[in-house]
Amino acid sequence: MLVKKIAVLFSGSGTNLENILKKLHLKEFNGFKIEVVTAICNNPDAGGIIRSRNFGIEPIIINHKDFPSREDFDKELVVSIKKCKADLTVLAGFMRFLTPVFIQNIKAINLHPSLLPLFKGGHAIEESFKSSMKVGGITVHHVSEELDGGAIIAQRCFQKDSSMNLDDYEKKIHQLEYELFPNVIVDVLSK
């Protein structure tokens, strides 16, 4: 059976990494099997490291603070991803701006917790919650040289409820992420 390999990049708690591992790793879809061949983290204290190990995948830790430039860090990322021959790289809470060194060498998609092109960057959940918009949502997009600016693959939204606090809103965002992202990964690998 054909095996499609993915690399997952993360920086934090790793809940989306764990969701991907639960729903996709070593499972069959549309005539092929998906294998998470590596998990790469830039934060040696990230909670996702334990989540990755729980699935038998020893994460590669590449601490961005050990490199003199973003480009040097990205070169190391590219080497690690190419070494495992990933067909697709998935950014699941990976909190680094990527340079052309990465983008021109790696096919990657990103999960972002807002309805792009609104609320780009690392504070998207809080910014979208505080906005006057009547909906919140998420976006999966191709990674490009523009921060959160690549072509949109899929989006999901929900009605904001005036009784929601920030924690409720964030939980709803994550619920949508856990539903949508694995499906998009399968769709992208099916093409």
N, C-alpha and C. Protein backbone atom coordinates (compact mmCIF):
# COMPACT_ATOMS: atom_id res chain seq x y z
N MET A 1 0.84 -1.19 0.00
CA MET A 1 0.00 0.00 0.00
C MET A 1 0.88 1.25 0.00
N LEU A 2 0.45 2.24 -0.76
CA LEU A 2 1.17 3.51 -0.82
C LEU A 2 1.13 4.20 0.54
N VAL A 3 2.27 4.69 0.98
CA VAL A 3 2.35 5.41 2.26
C VAL A 3 2.69 6.87 1.97
N LYS A 4 1.87 7.78 2.49
CA LYS A 4 2.14 9.21 2.39
C LYS A 4 2.69 9.67 3.73
N LYS A 5 3.83 10.32 3.70
CA LYS A 5 4.54 10.69 4.92
C LYS A 5 4.35 12.17 5.23
N ILE A 6 4.08 12.44 6.52
CA ILE A 6 3.98 13.84 6.94
C ILE A 6 4.93 14.12 8.09
N ALA A 7 5.41 15.34 8.11
CA ALA A 7 6.19 15.88 9.22
C ALA A 7 5.30 16.92 9.90
N VAL A 8 5.27 16.89 11.23
CA VAL A 8 4.46 17.85 11.98
C VAL A 8 5.39 18.74 12.78
N LEU A 9 5.25 20.06 12.60
CA LEU A 9 6.03 21.04 13.35
C LEU A 9 5.14 21.67 14.41
N PHE A 10 5.66 21.79 15.63
CA PHE A 10 4.89 22.37 16.72
C PHE A 10 5.81 23.12 17.66
N SER A 11 5.22 23.98 18.49
CA SER A 11 6.00 24.77 19.44
C SER A 11 5.50 24.68 20.87
N GLY A 12 4.26 24.24 21.06
CA GLY A 12 3.65 24.35 22.38
C GLY A 12 3.11 23.06 22.93
N SER A 13 1.85 23.12 23.38
CA SER A 13 1.24 21.99 24.09
C SER A 13 1.04 20.75 23.22
N GLY A 14 0.96 20.93 21.92
CA GLY A 14 0.87 19.79 21.01
C GLY A 14 -0.49 19.13 20.91
N THR A 15 -1.56 19.86 21.24
CA THR A 15 -2.88 19.24 21.16
C THR A 15 -3.26 18.93 19.71
N ASN A 16 -2.91 19.80 18.78
CA ASN A 16 -3.20 19.50 17.37
C ASN A 16 -2.31 18.38 16.86
N LEU A 17 -1.06 18.31 17.31
CA LEU A 17 -0.18 17.19 16.98
C LEU A 17 -0.82 15.88 17.45
N GLU A 18 -1.27 15.85 18.70
CA GLU A 18 -1.89 14.65 19.25
C GLU A 18 -3.15 14.26 18.46
N ASN A 19 -3.94 15.24 18.09
CA ASN A 19 -5.14 14.98 17.30
C ASN A 19 -4.79 14.37 15.94
N ILE A 20 -3.75 14.89 15.31
CA ILE A 20 -3.29 14.35 14.02
C ILE A 20 -2.83 12.90 14.21
N LEU A 21 -2.07 12.66 15.27
CA LEU A 21 -1.58 11.30 15.53
C LEU A 21 -2.74 10.34 15.78
N LYS A 22 -3.73 10.76 16.55
CA LYS A 22 -4.88 9.90 16.85
C LYS A 22 -5.69 9.60 15.60
N LYS A 23 -5.93 10.61 14.78
CA LYS A 23 -6.86 10.45 13.66
C LYS A 23 -6.22 9.98 12.36
N LEU A 24 -4.90 10.24 12.19
CA LEU A 24 -4.29 9.96 10.89
C LEU A 24 -3.14 8.96 10.90
N HIS A 25 -2.34 8.96 11.94
CA HIS A 25 -1.10 8.18 11.96
C HIS A 25 -1.38 6.68 11.79
N LEU A 26 -0.79 6.13 10.73
CA LEU A 26 -0.89 4.70 10.38
C LEU A 26 -2.31 4.26 10.06
N LYS A 27 -3.12 5.21 9.60
CA LYS A 27 -4.50 4.90 9.19
C LYS A 27 -4.59 5.01 7.66
N GLU A 28 -5.59 4.32 7.10
CA GLU A 28 -5.77 4.28 5.65
C GLU A 28 -6.87 5.23 5.20
N PHE A 29 -6.60 5.93 4.09
CA PHE A 29 -7.54 6.86 3.48
C PHE A 29 -7.38 6.82 1.97
N ASN A 30 -8.47 6.69 1.26
CA ASN A 30 -8.46 6.81 -0.20
C ASN A 30 -7.36 5.99 -0.87
N GLY A 31 -7.11 4.79 -0.35
CA GLY A 31 -6.12 3.92 -0.97
C GLY A 31 -4.69 4.14 -0.56
N PHE A 32 -4.45 4.94 0.44
CA PHE A 32 -3.08 5.12 0.94
C PHE A 32 -3.10 5.20 2.47
N LYS A 33 -1.94 4.95 3.03
CA LYS A 33 -1.77 5.04 4.48
C LYS A 33 -0.98 6.31 4.79
N ILE A 34 -1.35 6.99 5.88
CA ILE A 34 -0.62 8.18 6.32
C ILE A 34 0.28 7.79 7.48
N GLU A 35 1.51 8.23 7.40
CA GLU A 35 2.46 8.01 8.49
C GLU A 35 3.08 9.34 8.91
N VAL A 36 2.99 9.64 10.20
CA VAL A 36 3.72 10.79 10.74
C VAL A 36 5.15 10.30 10.94
N VAL A 37 6.05 10.74 10.07
CA VAL A 37 7.42 10.24 10.11
C VAL A 37 8.31 11.02 11.06
N THR A 38 7.91 12.24 11.37
CA THR A 38 8.67 13.01 12.34
C THR A 38 7.80 14.11 12.93
N ALA A 39 8.15 14.47 14.14
CA ALA A 39 7.58 15.65 14.80
C ALA A 39 8.77 16.52 15.17
N ILE A 40 8.72 17.78 14.81
CA ILE A 40 9.84 18.69 15.05
C ILE A 40 9.35 19.86 15.88
N CYS A 41 10.13 20.18 16.91
CA CYS A 41 9.75 21.25 17.83
C CYS A 41 10.92 22.21 18.02
N ASN A 42 10.60 23.49 18.07
CA ASN A 42 11.64 24.50 18.30
C ASN A 42 11.77 24.90 19.77
N ASN A 43 10.94 24.33 20.63
CA ASN A 43 10.89 24.71 22.04
C ASN A 43 11.19 23.48 22.91
N PRO A 44 12.37 23.41 23.54
CA PRO A 44 12.72 22.22 24.31
C PRO A 44 11.83 21.97 25.52
N ASP A 45 11.00 22.93 25.90
CA ASP A 45 10.10 22.76 27.04
C ASP A 45 8.64 22.53 26.63
N ALA A 46 8.39 22.31 25.37
CA ALA A 46 7.01 22.19 24.87
C ALA A 46 6.32 20.93 25.39
N GLY A 47 5.06 21.09 25.77
CA GLY A 47 4.27 19.96 26.24
C GLY A 47 4.04 18.90 25.17
N GLY A 48 4.07 19.32 23.92
CA GLY A 48 3.84 18.39 22.82
C GLY A 48 4.91 17.31 22.70
N ILE A 49 6.07 17.53 23.31
CA ILE A 49 7.15 16.54 23.26
C ILE A 49 6.66 15.23 23.89
N ILE A 50 6.02 15.33 25.03
CA ILE A 50 5.50 14.13 25.71
C ILE A 50 4.38 13.50 24.88
N ARG A 51 3.51 14.34 24.32
CA ARG A 51 2.42 13.81 23.49
C ARG A 51 2.99 13.00 22.31
N SER A 52 4.03 13.52 21.68
CA SER A 52 4.67 12.83 20.56
C SER A 52 5.24 11.49 21.02
N ARG A 53 5.95 11.50 22.13
CA ARG A 53 6.56 10.26 22.66
C ARG A 53 5.49 9.23 23.01
N ASN A 54 4.32 9.70 23.45
CA ASN A 54 3.24 8.77 23.79
C ASN A 54 2.79 7.95 22.59
N PHE A 55 3.07 8.44 21.38
CA PHE A 55 2.73 7.72 20.16
C PHE A 55 3.95 7.04 19.55
N GLY A 56 5.03 6.97 20.32
CA GLY A 56 6.24 6.29 19.85
C GLY A 56 7.07 7.08 18.87
N ILE A 57 6.84 8.38 18.80
CA ILE A 57 7.60 9.22 17.88
C ILE A 57 8.49 10.14 18.72
N GLU A 58 9.79 9.90 18.64
CA GLU A 58 10.74 10.74 19.37
C GLU A 58 10.90 12.05 18.58
N PRO A 59 10.44 13.16 19.17
CA PRO A 59 10.50 14.41 18.41
C PRO A 59 11.94 14.90 18.25
N ILE A 60 12.14 15.60 17.16
CA ILE A 60 13.42 16.26 16.93
C ILE A 60 13.29 17.66 17.53
N ILE A 61 14.19 18.00 18.43
CA ILE A 61 14.18 19.33 19.04
C ILE A 61 15.24 20.17 18.35
N ILE A 62 14.81 21.22 17.69
CA ILE A 62 15.73 22.16 17.05
C ILE A 62 15.43 23.52 17.67
N ASN A 63 16.17 23.86 18.70
CA ASN A 63 15.92 25.11 19.42
C ASN A 63 16.37 26.30 18.57
N HIS A 64 15.42 27.13 18.20
CA HIS A 64 15.75 28.28 17.35
C HIS A 64 16.75 29.23 18.01
N LYS A 65 16.84 29.18 19.33
CA LYS A 65 17.77 30.07 20.04
C LYS A 65 19.23 29.65 19.84
N ASP A 66 19.45 28.45 19.32
CA ASP A 66 20.80 27.96 19.09
C ASP A 66 21.37 28.40 17.74
N PHE A 67 20.62 29.20 17.00
CA PHE A 67 21.05 29.58 15.65
C PHE A 67 21.20 31.10 15.55
N PRO A 68 22.22 31.55 14.81
CA PRO A 68 22.47 33.00 14.72
C PRO A 68 21.43 33.76 13.89
N SER A 69 20.69 33.05 13.04
CA SER A 69 19.70 33.73 12.19
C SER A 69 18.52 32.82 11.92
N ARG A 70 17.42 33.43 11.48
CA ARG A 70 16.25 32.64 11.08
C ARG A 70 16.60 31.71 9.92
N GLU A 71 17.41 32.20 9.01
CA GLU A 71 17.78 31.40 7.85
C GLU A 71 18.57 30.15 8.26
N ASP A 72 19.47 30.31 9.23
CA ASP A 72 20.25 29.16 9.69
C ASP A 72 19.34 28.12 10.36
N PHE A 73 18.40 28.60 11.15
CA PHE A 73 17.43 27.70 11.78
C PHE A 73 16.61 26.99 10.71
N ASP A 74 16.13 27.73 9.72
CA ASP A 74 15.32 27.14 8.66
C ASP A 74 16.10 26.11 7.84
N LYS A 75 17.40 26.35 7.63
CA LYS A 75 18.24 25.37 6.92
C LYS A 75 18.22 24.04 7.66
N GLU A 76 18.34 24.10 8.98
CA GLU A 76 18.33 22.88 9.79
C GLU A 76 16.97 22.18 9.72
N LEU A 77 15.89 22.97 9.73
CA LEU A 77 14.55 22.40 9.57
C LEU A 77 14.44 21.66 8.24
N VAL A 78 14.88 22.30 7.17
CA VAL A 78 14.80 21.71 5.83
C VAL A 78 15.57 20.39 5.79
N VAL A 79 16.77 20.37 6.35
CA VAL A 79 17.58 19.15 6.36
C VAL A 79 16.83 18.03 7.08
N SER A 80 16.26 18.33 8.24
CA SER A 80 15.56 17.31 9.02
C SER A 80 14.33 16.79 8.30
N ILE A 81 13.59 17.68 7.65
CA ILE A 81 12.38 17.27 6.94
C ILE A 81 12.73 16.44 5.71
N LYS A 82 13.74 16.88 4.96
CA LYS A 82 14.14 16.14 3.76
C LYS A 82 14.70 14.77 4.11
N LYS A 83 15.38 14.68 5.25
CA LYS A 83 15.96 13.41 5.68
C LYS A 83 14.88 12.35 5.89
N CYS A 84 13.72 12.75 6.39
CA CYS A 84 12.65 11.77 6.64
C CYS A 84 11.73 11.60 5.43
N LYS A 85 12.02 12.31 4.35
CA LYS A 85 11.29 12.17 3.08
C LYS A 85 9.79 12.42 3.22
N ALA A 86 9.43 13.46 3.98
CA ALA A 86 8.01 13.80 4.16
C ALA A 86 7.43 14.32 2.84
N ASP A 87 6.22 13.86 2.53
CA ASP A 87 5.50 14.34 1.36
C ASP A 87 4.84 15.69 1.64
N LEU A 88 4.52 15.93 2.90
CA LEU A 88 3.85 17.16 3.30
C LEU A 88 4.29 17.52 4.71
N THR A 89 4.53 18.80 4.94
CA THR A 89 4.85 19.29 6.27
C THR A 89 3.66 20.07 6.78
N VAL A 90 3.30 19.79 8.02
CA VAL A 90 2.10 20.35 8.63
C VAL A 90 2.52 21.20 9.83
N LEU A 91 2.17 22.47 9.81
CA LEU A 91 2.45 23.36 10.94
C LEU A 91 1.24 23.35 11.86
N ALA A 92 1.43 22.80 13.06
CA ALA A 92 0.34 22.64 14.03
C ALA A 92 0.73 23.38 15.31
N GLY A 93 0.53 24.68 15.29
CA GLY A 93 0.95 25.48 16.43
C GLY A 93 2.45 25.72 16.43
N PHE A 94 3.02 25.88 15.24
CA PHE A 94 4.45 26.17 15.11
C PHE A 94 4.62 27.67 15.06
N MET A 95 5.21 28.24 16.10
CA MET A 95 5.21 29.69 16.28
C MET A 95 6.53 30.33 15.84
N ARG A 96 6.85 30.14 14.56
CA ARG A 96 8.05 30.75 13.99
C ARG A 96 7.71 31.34 12.63
N PHE A 97 8.28 32.51 12.35
CA PHE A 97 8.20 33.07 11.00
C PHE A 97 9.20 32.31 10.15
N LEU A 98 8.74 31.79 9.02
CA LEU A 98 9.62 30.99 8.15
C LEU A 98 10.14 31.85 7.00
N THR A 99 11.39 31.62 6.67
CA THR A 99 12.06 32.40 5.62
C THR A 99 11.96 31.67 4.28
N PRO A 100 12.38 32.35 3.19
CA PRO A 100 12.41 31.68 1.89
C PRO A 100 13.26 30.40 1.89
N VAL A 101 14.25 30.30 2.77
CA VAL A 101 15.07 29.08 2.86
C VAL A 101 14.17 27.87 3.10
N PHE A 102 13.16 28.03 3.95
CA PHE A 102 12.21 26.95 4.20
C PHE A 102 11.16 26.88 3.09
N ILE A 103 10.55 27.99 2.80
CA ILE A 103 9.37 28.02 1.92
C ILE A 103 9.70 27.55 0.51
N GLN A 104 10.89 27.83 0.03
CA GLN A 104 11.25 27.43 -1.33
C GLN A 104 11.67 25.97 -1.42
N ASN A 105 11.79 25.29 -0.27
CA ASN A 105 12.25 23.91 -0.28
C ASN A 105 11.26 22.89 0.27
N ILE A 106 10.23 23.36 0.97
CA ILE A 106 9.33 22.45 1.66
C ILE A 106 7.88 22.78 1.32
N LYS A 107 7.11 21.75 0.98
CA LYS A 107 5.66 21.90 0.78
C LYS A 107 5.00 21.83 2.14
N ALA A 108 4.33 22.91 2.55
CA ALA A 108 3.78 22.96 3.90
C ALA A 108 2.42 23.64 3.93
N ILE A 109 1.61 23.19 4.90
CA ILE A 109 0.34 23.85 5.18
C ILE A 109 0.32 24.24 6.66
N ASN A 110 -0.48 25.24 6.97
CA ASN A 110 -0.55 25.78 8.33
C ASN A 110 -2.00 25.87 8.78
N LEU A 111 -2.19 25.66 10.07
CA LEU A 111 -3.48 25.85 10.72
C LEU A 111 -3.42 27.17 11.46
N HIS A 112 -4.39 28.06 11.19
CA HIS A 112 -4.40 29.38 11.84
C HIS A 112 -5.75 29.61 12.51
N PRO A 113 -5.74 30.12 13.76
CA PRO A 113 -6.99 30.24 14.52
C PRO A 113 -7.78 31.52 14.29
N SER A 114 -7.90 31.91 13.03
CA SER A 114 -8.82 33.00 12.68
C SER A 114 -9.24 32.83 11.23
N LEU A 115 -10.21 33.64 10.83
CA LEU A 115 -10.64 33.64 9.44
C LEU A 115 -9.74 34.60 8.67
N LEU A 116 -8.69 34.04 8.09
CA LEU A 116 -7.78 34.87 7.31
C LEU A 116 -8.52 35.45 6.11
N PRO A 117 -8.16 36.63 5.65
CA PRO A 117 -6.93 37.35 5.96
C PRO A 117 -6.99 38.20 7.22
N LEU A 118 -8.00 38.07 8.04
CA LEU A 118 -8.08 38.85 9.27
C LEU A 118 -7.28 38.20 10.38
N PHE A 119 -6.74 39.01 11.25
CA PHE A 119 -6.09 38.58 12.49
C PHE A 119 -4.92 37.63 12.26
N LYS A 120 -3.95 38.11 11.52
CA LYS A 120 -2.73 37.33 11.28
C LYS A 120 -1.85 37.39 12.53
N GLY A 121 -0.93 36.42 12.63
CA GLY A 121 0.06 36.45 13.70
C GLY A 121 -0.35 35.67 14.93
N GLY A 122 0.44 35.86 15.98
CA GLY A 122 0.36 35.04 17.17
C GLY A 122 -0.73 35.36 18.17
N HIS A 123 -1.49 36.45 17.96
CA HIS A 123 -2.54 36.82 18.91
C HIS A 123 -3.93 36.76 18.27
N ALA A 124 -4.07 35.90 17.29
CA ALA A 124 -5.28 35.85 16.48
C ALA A 124 -6.53 35.54 17.30
N ILE A 125 -6.43 34.62 18.24
CA ILE A 125 -7.63 34.23 18.99
C ILE A 125 -8.15 35.41 19.80
N GLU A 126 -7.26 36.04 20.54
CA GLU A 126 -7.67 37.17 21.37
C GLU A 126 -8.17 38.34 20.51
N GLU A 127 -7.47 38.62 19.42
CA GLU A 127 -7.88 39.73 18.55
C GLU A 127 -9.24 39.48 17.92
N SER A 128 -9.46 38.26 17.45
CA SER A 128 -10.76 37.97 16.82
C SER A 128 -11.87 37.95 17.87
N PHE A 129 -11.57 37.47 19.07
CA PHE A 129 -12.57 37.48 20.15
C PHE A 129 -12.99 38.90 20.49
N LYS A 130 -12.03 39.81 20.56
CA LYS A 130 -12.32 41.19 20.96
C LYS A 130 -12.90 42.03 19.81
N SER A 131 -12.87 41.51 18.60
CA SER A 131 -13.36 42.26 17.45
C SER A 131 -14.88 42.36 17.47
N SER A 132 -15.40 43.20 16.59
CA SER A 132 -16.85 43.36 16.48
C SER A 132 -17.47 42.32 15.54
N MET A 133 -16.66 41.42 15.02
CA MET A 133 -17.19 40.39 14.12
C MET A 133 -18.19 39.50 14.84
N LYS A 134 -19.17 39.02 14.13
CA LYS A 134 -20.22 38.17 14.70
C LYS A 134 -19.89 36.69 14.57
N VAL A 135 -18.78 36.38 13.90
CA VAL A 135 -18.33 35.00 13.76
C VAL A 135 -16.86 34.91 14.13
N GLY A 136 -16.46 33.73 14.53
CA GLY A 136 -15.05 33.39 14.72
C GLY A 136 -14.77 32.19 13.86
N GLY A 137 -13.51 31.84 13.72
CA GLY A 137 -13.23 30.67 12.90
C GLY A 137 -11.77 30.37 12.75
N ILE A 138 -11.49 29.44 11.84
CA ILE A 138 -10.14 28.96 11.59
C ILE A 138 -9.89 28.88 10.09
N THR A 139 -8.61 28.81 9.75
CA THR A 139 -8.19 28.71 8.35
C THR A 139 -7.05 27.71 8.24
N VAL A 140 -7.08 26.90 7.21
CA VAL A 140 -5.93 26.10 6.81
C VAL A 140 -5.45 26.69 5.49
N HIS A 141 -4.15 26.97 5.42
CA HIS A 141 -3.63 27.62 4.22
C HIS A 141 -2.24 27.09 3.88
N HIS A 142 -1.85 27.27 2.62
CA HIS A 142 -0.50 26.94 2.20
C HIS A 142 0.46 27.94 2.85
N VAL A 143 1.64 27.48 3.20
CA VAL A 143 2.64 28.36 3.78
C VAL A 143 3.34 29.10 2.64
N SER A 144 3.41 30.42 2.79
CA SER A 144 4.08 31.25 1.79
C SER A 144 5.03 32.21 2.52
N GLU A 145 5.67 33.06 1.74
CA GLU A 145 6.63 34.01 2.33
C GLU A 145 5.94 35.10 3.14
N GLU A 146 4.65 35.31 2.93
CA GLU A 146 3.91 36.29 3.71
C GLU A 146 3.32 35.62 4.94
N LEU A 147 3.51 36.19 6.10
CA LEU A 147 2.98 35.61 7.33
C LEU A 147 1.47 35.40 7.21
N ASP A 148 1.05 34.16 7.38
CA ASP A 148 -0.37 33.79 7.31
C ASP A 148 -1.03 34.32 6.04
N GLY A 149 -0.25 34.34 4.95
CA GLY A 149 -0.75 34.93 3.71
C GLY A 149 -0.84 33.98 2.54
N GLY A 150 -0.56 32.69 2.76
CA GLY A 150 -0.62 31.73 1.66
C GLY A 150 -2.05 31.46 1.23
N ALA A 151 -2.17 30.81 0.08
CA ALA A 151 -3.49 30.51 -0.48
C ALA A 151 -4.32 29.69 0.52
N ILE A 152 -5.56 30.11 0.69
CA ILE A 152 -6.45 29.45 1.64
C ILE A 152 -6.95 28.13 1.04
N ILE A 153 -6.87 27.07 1.86
CA ILE A 153 -7.35 25.75 1.44
C ILE A 153 -8.76 25.52 1.96
N ALA A 154 -8.98 25.83 3.24
CA ALA A 154 -10.29 25.60 3.86
C ALA A 154 -10.47 26.52 5.06
N GLN A 155 -11.74 26.82 5.36
CA GLN A 155 -12.08 27.63 6.53
C GLN A 155 -13.35 27.07 7.16
N ARG A 156 -13.48 27.27 8.46
CA ARG A 156 -14.71 26.95 9.18
C ARG A 156 -14.99 28.09 10.14
N CYS A 157 -16.27 28.36 10.35
CA CYS A 157 -16.62 29.43 11.27
C CYS A 157 -17.78 29.03 12.15
N PHE A 158 -18.00 29.84 13.18
CA PHE A 158 -19.10 29.63 14.12
C PHE A 158 -19.62 30.99 14.55
N GLN A 159 -20.86 31.03 14.96
CA GLN A 159 -21.47 32.26 15.46
C GLN A 159 -20.91 32.59 16.84
N LYS A 160 -20.48 33.82 17.01
CA LYS A 160 -20.05 34.26 18.33
C LYS A 160 -21.30 34.44 19.20
N ASP A 161 -21.18 34.03 20.43
CA ASP A 161 -22.27 34.13 21.38
C ASP A 161 -21.88 35.18 22.42
N SER A 162 -22.77 36.11 22.70
CA SER A 162 -22.45 37.20 23.62
C SER A 162 -22.14 36.69 25.03
N SER A 163 -22.54 35.47 25.35
CA SER A 163 -22.26 34.93 26.68
C SER A 163 -20.87 34.29 26.76
N MET A 164 -20.17 34.18 25.61
CA MET A 164 -18.85 33.54 25.59
C MET A 164 -17.81 34.43 26.25
N ASN A 165 -16.95 33.80 27.05
CA ASN A 165 -15.75 34.50 27.49
C ASN A 165 -14.60 34.02 26.60
N LEU A 166 -13.41 34.54 26.82
CA LEU A 166 -12.27 34.19 25.96
C LEU A 166 -11.97 32.69 26.01
N ASP A 167 -12.07 32.08 27.19
CA ASP A 167 -11.82 30.64 27.30
C ASP A 167 -12.82 29.83 26.48
N ASP A 168 -14.10 30.19 26.55
CA ASP A 168 -15.13 29.50 25.76
C ASP A 168 -14.84 29.64 24.27
N TYR A 169 -14.47 30.85 23.88
CA TYR A 169 -14.18 31.15 22.48
C TYR A 169 -12.99 30.31 22.00
N GLU A 170 -11.95 30.26 22.81
CA GLU A 170 -10.76 29.49 22.45
C GLU A 170 -11.09 28.00 22.34
N LYS A 171 -11.90 27.47 23.24
CA LYS A 171 -12.30 26.07 23.18
C LYS A 171 -13.04 25.78 21.88
N LYS A 172 -13.90 26.69 21.46
CA LYS A 172 -14.64 26.52 20.20
C LYS A 172 -13.69 26.53 19.01
N ILE A 173 -12.69 27.42 19.05
CA ILE A 173 -11.67 27.46 17.99
C ILE A 173 -10.97 26.10 17.91
N HIS A 174 -10.53 25.59 19.05
CA HIS A 174 -9.80 24.31 19.06
C HIS A 174 -10.69 23.15 18.60
N GLN A 175 -11.95 23.18 18.97
CA GLN A 175 -12.88 22.14 18.53
C GLN A 175 -12.94 22.11 17.00
N LEU A 176 -13.05 23.28 16.38
CA LEU A 176 -13.06 23.35 14.91
C LEU A 176 -11.74 22.86 14.32
N GLU A 177 -10.62 23.24 14.96
CA GLU A 177 -9.31 22.80 14.48
C GLU A 177 -9.23 21.28 14.45
N TYR A 178 -9.65 20.65 15.55
CA TYR A 178 -9.55 19.20 15.65
C TYR A 178 -10.42 18.49 14.62
N GLU A 179 -11.52 19.12 14.22
CA GLU A 179 -12.39 18.53 13.19
C GLU A 179 -11.85 18.75 11.79
N LEU A 180 -11.44 19.99 11.49
CA LEU A 180 -11.09 20.35 10.11
C LEU A 180 -9.70 19.91 9.68
N PHE A 181 -8.69 20.14 10.51
CA PHE A 181 -7.31 19.97 10.06
C PHE A 181 -7.00 18.56 9.56
N PRO A 182 -7.37 17.50 10.28
CA PRO A 182 -7.07 16.16 9.75
C PRO A 182 -7.72 15.90 8.39
N ASN A 183 -8.95 16.39 8.20
CA ASN A 183 -9.63 16.20 6.92
C ASN A 183 -8.91 16.92 5.79
N VAL A 184 -8.42 18.11 6.07
CA VAL A 184 -7.69 18.86 5.04
C VAL A 184 -6.37 18.16 4.69
N ILE A 185 -5.69 17.65 5.70
CA ILE A 185 -4.44 16.91 5.45
C ILE A 185 -4.71 15.74 4.51
N VAL A 186 -5.75 14.98 4.77
CA VAL A 186 -6.10 13.85 3.89
C VAL A 186 -6.40 14.36 2.48
N ASP A 187 -7.17 15.43 2.37
CA ASP A 187 -7.52 15.99 1.05
C ASP A 187 -6.26 16.42 0.28
N VAL A 188 -5.35 17.11 0.95
CA VAL A 188 -4.14 17.59 0.29
C VAL A 188 -3.28 16.40 -0.16
N LEU A 189 -3.17 15.38 0.67
CA LEU A 189 -2.38 14.21 0.30
C LEU A 189 -3.05 13.37 -0.79
N SER A 190 -4.34 13.52 -0.97
CA SER A 190 -5.09 12.76 -1.97
C SER A 190 -4.89 13.30 -3.37
N LYS A 191 -4.37 14.52 -3.48
CA LYS A 191 -4.24 15.17 -4.80
C LYS A 191 -2.91 14.87 -5.45
